[in-house]
Amino acid sequence: MARTRKTTARRKATPSDAFALATAGAELALASLAVVNARTPMIVQAFNDPVRGNYAELTRMISEKPLAFAQGASAGGPAWLAMAAESNRYLAQAWKTPSYGLAPGLSASLGAFAFWGRMMSLGVTWQSAMLAPVHAAATANARRLGPKA
């Protein structure tokens, strides 16, 4: 009876995922610029006239960042663990038995190439998961603080 290896289903990152990650990073940069531009005058006003400061917004400036980054760390944890598991799997297999000659060397090279491809795919998944909560908070702030249409 043949032994079958149990595998866990993982969603592979695609080139479009890498593009989506880059796009989200650019959106985050632009949203952050808009939010900083909107909030800086509020800080100046509160400094110059403490009675009339926008303390609801000033409080948001401090409280939302740790929350968004904690959510990002939590969301990225499973993908980071998947990267660690893949690394452990590859290293355990690569060091399992010594081999010599051209064919084992070629096999090892192809295995390493495939391993790094899987690691890059998992890395995009991990970074996307971590960026999502920060991106959501910053773009929501940019919409809320931006010009009203």
C-alpha atoms as a PDB file:
ATOM      1  CA  MET A   1       0.000   0.000   0.000  1.00  0.00           C
ATOM      2  CA  ALA A   2       1.457   3.366  -1.032  1.00  0.00           C
ATOM      3  CA  ARG A   3       1.888   6.049   1.566  1.00  0.00           C
ATOM      4  CA  THR A   4       0.320   9.386   0.817  1.00  0.00           C
ATOM      5  CA  ARG A   5       1.689  12.577   2.219  1.00  0.00           C
ATOM      6  CA  LYS A   6      -0.829  14.793   3.943  1.00  0.00           C
ATOM      7  CA  THR A   7      -0.636  18.341   2.644  1.00  0.00           C
ATOM      8  CA  THR A   8      -2.366  21.438   3.871  1.00  0.00           C
ATOM      9  CA  ALA A   9      -4.160  23.549   1.315  1.00  0.00           C
ATOM     10  CA  ARG A  10      -2.577  26.968   1.032  1.00  0.00           C
ATOM     11  CA  ARG A  11      -3.630  29.807  -1.145  1.00  0.00           C
ATOM     12  CA  LYS A  12      -0.720  30.679  -3.388  1.00  0.00           C
ATOM     13  CA  ALA A  13      -0.006  34.332  -4.040  1.00  0.00           C
ATOM     14  CA  THR A  14      -0.231  35.287  -7.678  1.00  0.00           C
ATOM     15  CA  PRO A  15       1.454  38.118  -9.574  1.00  0.00           C
ATOM     16  CA  SER A  16      -1.818  40.031  -9.252  1.00  0.00           C
ATOM     17  CA  ASP A  17      -1.510  39.668  -5.459  1.00  0.00           C
ATOM     18  CA  ALA A  18       1.931  41.282  -5.620  1.00  0.00           C
ATOM     19  CA  PHE A  19       0.445  44.092  -7.719  1.00  0.00           C
ATOM     20  CA  ALA A  20      -2.408  44.485  -5.218  1.00  0.00           C
ATOM     21  CA  LEU A  21       0.143  44.669  -2.384  1.00  0.00           C
ATOM     22  CA  ALA A  22       2.139  47.362  -4.210  1.00  0.00           C
ATOM     23  CA  THR A  23      -1.057  49.274  -4.989  1.00  0.00           C
ATOM     24  CA  ALA A  24      -2.176  49.109  -1.345  1.00  0.00           C
ATOM     25  CA  GLY A  25       1.242  50.381  -0.265  1.00  0.00           C
ATOM     26  CA  ALA A  26       0.963  53.350  -2.639  1.00  0.00           C
ATOM     27  CA  GLU A  27      -2.596  54.067  -1.462  1.00  0.00           C
ATOM     28  CA  LEU A  28      -1.393  53.942   2.139  1.00  0.00           C
ATOM     29  CA  ALA A  29       1.364  56.465   1.382  1.00  0.00           C
ATOM     30  CA  LEU A  30      -1.077  58.864  -0.290  1.00  0.00           C
ATOM     31  CA  ALA A  31      -3.707  58.448   2.417  1.00  0.00           C
ATOM     32  CA  SER A  32      -1.095  59.051   5.118  1.00  0.00           C
ATOM     33  CA  LEU A  33      -0.036  62.261   3.400  1.00  0.00           C
ATOM     34  CA  ALA A  34      -3.651  63.457   3.227  1.00  0.00           C
ATOM     35  CA  VAL A  35      -4.251  62.613   6.893  1.00  0.00           C
ATOM     36  CA  VAL A  36      -1.064  64.353   8.052  1.00  0.00           C
ATOM     37  CA  ASN A  37      -1.984  67.423   5.985  1.00  0.00           C
ATOM     38  CA  ALA A  38      -5.467  67.499   7.544  1.00  0.00           C
ATOM     39  CA  ARG A  39      -4.350  66.865  11.121  1.00  0.00           C
ATOM     40  CA  THR A  40      -1.329  69.172  11.345  1.00  0.00           C
ATOM     41  CA  PRO A  41      -3.455  72.351  11.506  1.00  0.00           C
ATOM     42  CA  MET A  42      -5.545  70.689  14.242  1.00  0.00           C
ATOM     43  CA  ILE A  43      -2.409  70.102  16.312  1.00  0.00           C
ATOM     44  CA  VAL A  44      -1.297  73.707  15.783  1.00  0.00           C
ATOM     45  CA  GLN A  45      -4.746  75.019  16.744  1.00  0.00           C
ATOM     46  CA  ALA A  46      -4.861  72.914  19.926  1.00  0.00           C
ATOM     47  CA  PHE A  47      -1.367  74.102  20.844  1.00  0.00           C
ATOM     48  CA  ASN A  48      -2.227  77.767  20.263  1.00  0.00           C
ATOM     49  CA  ASP A  49      -5.730  77.636  21.769  1.00  0.00           C
ATOM     50  CA  PRO A  50      -6.088  74.583  24.063  1.00  0.00           C
ATOM     51  CA  VAL A  51      -9.726  75.342  24.881  1.00  0.00           C
ATOM     52  CA  ARG A  52     -10.790  74.993  21.244  1.00  0.00           C
ATOM     53  CA  GLY A  53      -8.683  71.948  20.341  1.00  0.00           C
ATOM     54  CA  ASN A  54     -10.274  69.074  18.449  1.00  0.00           C
ATOM     55  CA  TYR A  55      -9.622  66.529  21.182  1.00  0.00           C
ATOM     56  CA  ALA A  56     -11.711  63.800  19.596  1.00  0.00           C
ATOM     57  CA  GLU A  57      -9.392  63.864  16.571  1.00  0.00           C
ATOM     58  CA  LEU A  58      -6.267  64.320  18.692  1.00  0.00           C
ATOM     59  CA  THR A  59      -7.250  61.220  20.681  1.00  0.00           C
ATOM     60  CA  ARG A  60      -7.784  59.248  17.455  1.00  0.00           C
ATOM     61  CA  MET A  61      -4.274  60.198  16.346  1.00  0.00           C
ATOM     62  CA  ILE A  62      -2.844  58.296  19.271  1.00  0.00           C
ATOM     63  CA  SER A  63      -5.303  55.458  19.858  1.00  0.00           C
ATOM     64  CA  GLU A  64      -5.790  54.207  16.288  1.00  0.00           C
ATOM     65  CA  LYS A  65      -2.161  53.404  15.450  1.00  0.00           C
ATOM     66  CA  PRO A  66      -1.466  50.732  18.088  1.00  0.00           C
ATOM     67  CA  LEU A  67      -4.820  49.123  17.298  1.00  0.00           C
ATOM     68  CA  ALA A  68      -4.178  48.994  13.535  1.00  0.00           C
ATOM     69  CA  PHE A  69      -0.655  47.633  13.978  1.00  0.00           C
ATOM     70  CA  ALA A  70      -1.824  45.032  16.514  1.00  0.00           C
ATOM     71  CA  GLN A  71      -4.550  43.924  14.095  1.00  0.00           C
ATOM     72  CA  GLY A  72      -1.929  43.707  11.346  1.00  0.00           C
ATOM     73  CA  ALA A  73       0.366  41.593  13.503  1.00  0.00           C
ATOM     74  CA  SER A  74      -2.531  39.324  14.408  1.00  0.00           C
ATOM     75  CA  ALA A  75      -3.615  38.985  10.779  1.00  0.00           C
ATOM     76  CA  GLY A  76      -0.066  38.300   9.602  1.00  0.00           C
ATOM     77  CA  GLY A  77       0.680  35.657  12.232  1.00  0.00           C
ATOM     78  CA  PRO A  78      -0.747  32.640  10.384  1.00  0.00           C
ATOM     79  CA  ALA A  79       1.068  33.552   7.158  1.00  0.00           C
ATOM     80  CA  TRP A  80       4.319  34.077   9.061  1.00  0.00           C
ATOM     81  CA  LEU A  81       3.886  30.666  10.677  1.00  0.00           C
ATOM     82  CA  ALA A  82       3.273  29.175   7.210  1.00  0.00           C
ATOM     83  CA  MET A  83       6.608  30.649   6.094  1.00  0.00           C
ATOM     84  CA  ALA A  84       8.353  29.153   9.128  1.00  0.00           C
ATOM     85  CA  ALA A  85       6.741  25.758   8.494  1.00  0.00           C
ATOM     86  CA  GLU A  86       7.798  25.843   4.837  1.00  0.00           C
ATOM     87  CA  SER A  87      11.351  26.742   5.821  1.00  0.00           C
ATOM     88  CA  ASN A  88      11.474  23.920   8.373  1.00  0.00           C
ATOM     89  CA  ARG A  89      10.017  21.453   5.871  1.00  0.00           C
ATOM     90  CA  TYR A  90      12.549  22.383   3.212  1.00  0.00           C
ATOM     91  CA  LEU A  91      15.551  22.311   5.533  1.00  0.00           C
ATOM     92  CA  ALA A  92      14.523  18.965   7.039  1.00  0.00           C
ATOM     93  CA  GLN A  93      14.209  17.485   3.540  1.00  0.00           C
ATOM     94  CA  ALA A  94      17.405  19.100   2.219  1.00  0.00           C
ATOM     95  CA  TRP A  95      19.562  17.782   5.054  1.00  0.00           C
ATOM     96  CA  LYS A  96      17.869  14.390   5.293  1.00  0.00           C
ATOM     97  CA  THR A  97      20.372  12.299   3.338  1.00  0.00           C
ATOM     98  CA  PRO A  98      23.775  13.178   1.947  1.00  0.00           C
ATOM     99  CA  SER A  99      24.191  12.716  -1.800  1.00  0.00           C
ATOM    100  CA  TYR A 100      27.024  13.231  -4.285  1.00  0.00           C
ATOM    101  CA  GLY A 101      27.448  13.899  -7.974  1.00  0.00           C
ATOM    102  CA  LEU A 102      25.826  16.104 -10.620  1.00  0.00           C
ATOM    103  CA  ALA A 103      22.254  14.726 -10.496  1.00  0.00           C
ATOM    104  CA  PRO A 104      21.796  15.320  -6.734  1.00  0.00           C
ATOM    105  CA  GLY A 105      23.304  18.789  -7.102  1.00  0.00           C
ATOM    106  CA  LEU A 106      20.883  19.639  -9.899  1.00  0.00           C
ATOM    107  CA  SER A 107      18.001  18.245  -7.892  1.00  0.00           C
ATOM    108  CA  ALA A 108      19.046  20.325  -4.882  1.00  0.00           C
ATOM    109  CA  SER A 109      19.287  23.451  -7.039  1.00  0.00           C
ATOM    110  CA  LEU A 110      15.822  22.912  -8.482  1.00  0.00           C
ATOM    111  CA  GLY A 111      14.465  22.211  -5.006  1.00  0.00           C
ATOM    112  CA  ALA A 112      15.999  25.440  -3.696  1.00  0.00           C
ATOM    113  CA  PHE A 113      14.550  27.379  -6.618  1.00  0.00           C
ATOM    114  CA  ALA A 114      11.072  25.976  -5.907  1.00  0.00           C
ATOM    115  CA  PHE A 115      11.510  26.666  -2.179  1.00  0.00           C
ATOM    116  CA  TRP A 116      12.320  30.351  -2.754  1.00  0.00           C
ATOM    117  CA  GLY A 117       9.368  30.658  -5.098  1.00  0.00           C
ATOM    118  CA  ARG A 118       7.072  29.307  -2.373  1.00  0.00           C
ATOM    119  CA  MET A 119       8.682  31.622   0.195  1.00  0.00           C
ATOM    120  CA  MET A 120       8.123  34.680  -2.025  1.00  0.00           C
ATOM    121  CA  SER A 121       4.493  33.671  -2.512  1.00  0.00           C
ATOM    122  CA  LEU A 122       4.011  33.216   1.222  1.00  0.00           C
ATOM    123  CA  GLY A 123       5.788  36.519   1.842  1.00  0.00           C
ATOM    124  CA  VAL A 124       3.315  38.414  -0.336  1.00  0.00           C
ATOM    125  CA  THR A 125       0.455  36.765   1.567  1.00  0.00           C
ATOM    126  CA  TRP A 126       2.062  37.668   4.908  1.00  0.00           C
ATOM    127  CA  GLN A 127       2.744  41.288   3.963  1.00  0.00           C
ATOM    128  CA  SER A 128      -0.742  41.724   2.503  1.00  0.00           C
ATOM    129  CA  ALA A 129      -2.340  40.428   5.694  1.00  0.00           C
ATOM    130  CA  MET A 130      -0.256  42.752   7.871  1.00  0.00           C
ATOM    131  CA  LEU A 131      -0.856  45.811   5.688  1.00  0.00           C
ATOM    132  CA  ALA A 132      -4.640  45.424   5.390  1.00  0.00           C
ATOM    133  CA  PRO A 133      -5.688  46.845   8.815  1.00  0.00           C
ATOM    134  CA  VAL A 134      -3.254  49.775   8.612  1.00  0.00           C
ATOM    135  CA  HIS A 135      -4.363  50.502   5.040  1.00  0.00           C
ATOM    136  CA  ALA A 136      -8.034  50.357   6.067  1.00  0.00           C
ATOM    137  CA  ALA A 137      -7.542  52.788   8.968  1.00  0.00           C
ATOM    138  CA  ALA A 138      -5.463  55.276   6.971  1.00  0.00           C
ATOM    139  CA  THR A 139      -7.724  55.326   3.914  1.00  0.00           C
ATOM    140  CA  ALA A 140     -10.838  55.663   6.129  1.00  0.00           C
ATOM    141  CA  ASN A 141      -9.210  58.643   7.873  1.00  0.00           C
ATOM    142  CA  ALA A 142      -8.292  60.197   4.532  1.00  0.00           C
ATOM    143  CA  ARG A 143     -11.911  59.870   3.347  1.00  0.00           C
ATOM    144  CA  ARG A 144     -13.282  61.232   6.635  1.00  0.00           C
ATOM    145  CA  LEU A 145     -10.856  64.151   6.846  1.00  0.00           C
ATOM    146  CA  GLY A 146     -10.715  64.927   3.117  1.00  0.00           C
ATOM    147  CA  PRO A 147     -12.707  67.503   1.207  1.00  0.00           C
ATOM    148  CA  LYS A 148     -16.436  66.950   1.364  1.00  0.00           C
ATOM    149  CA  ALA A 149     -17.991  66.469  -2.062  1.00  0.00           C
END
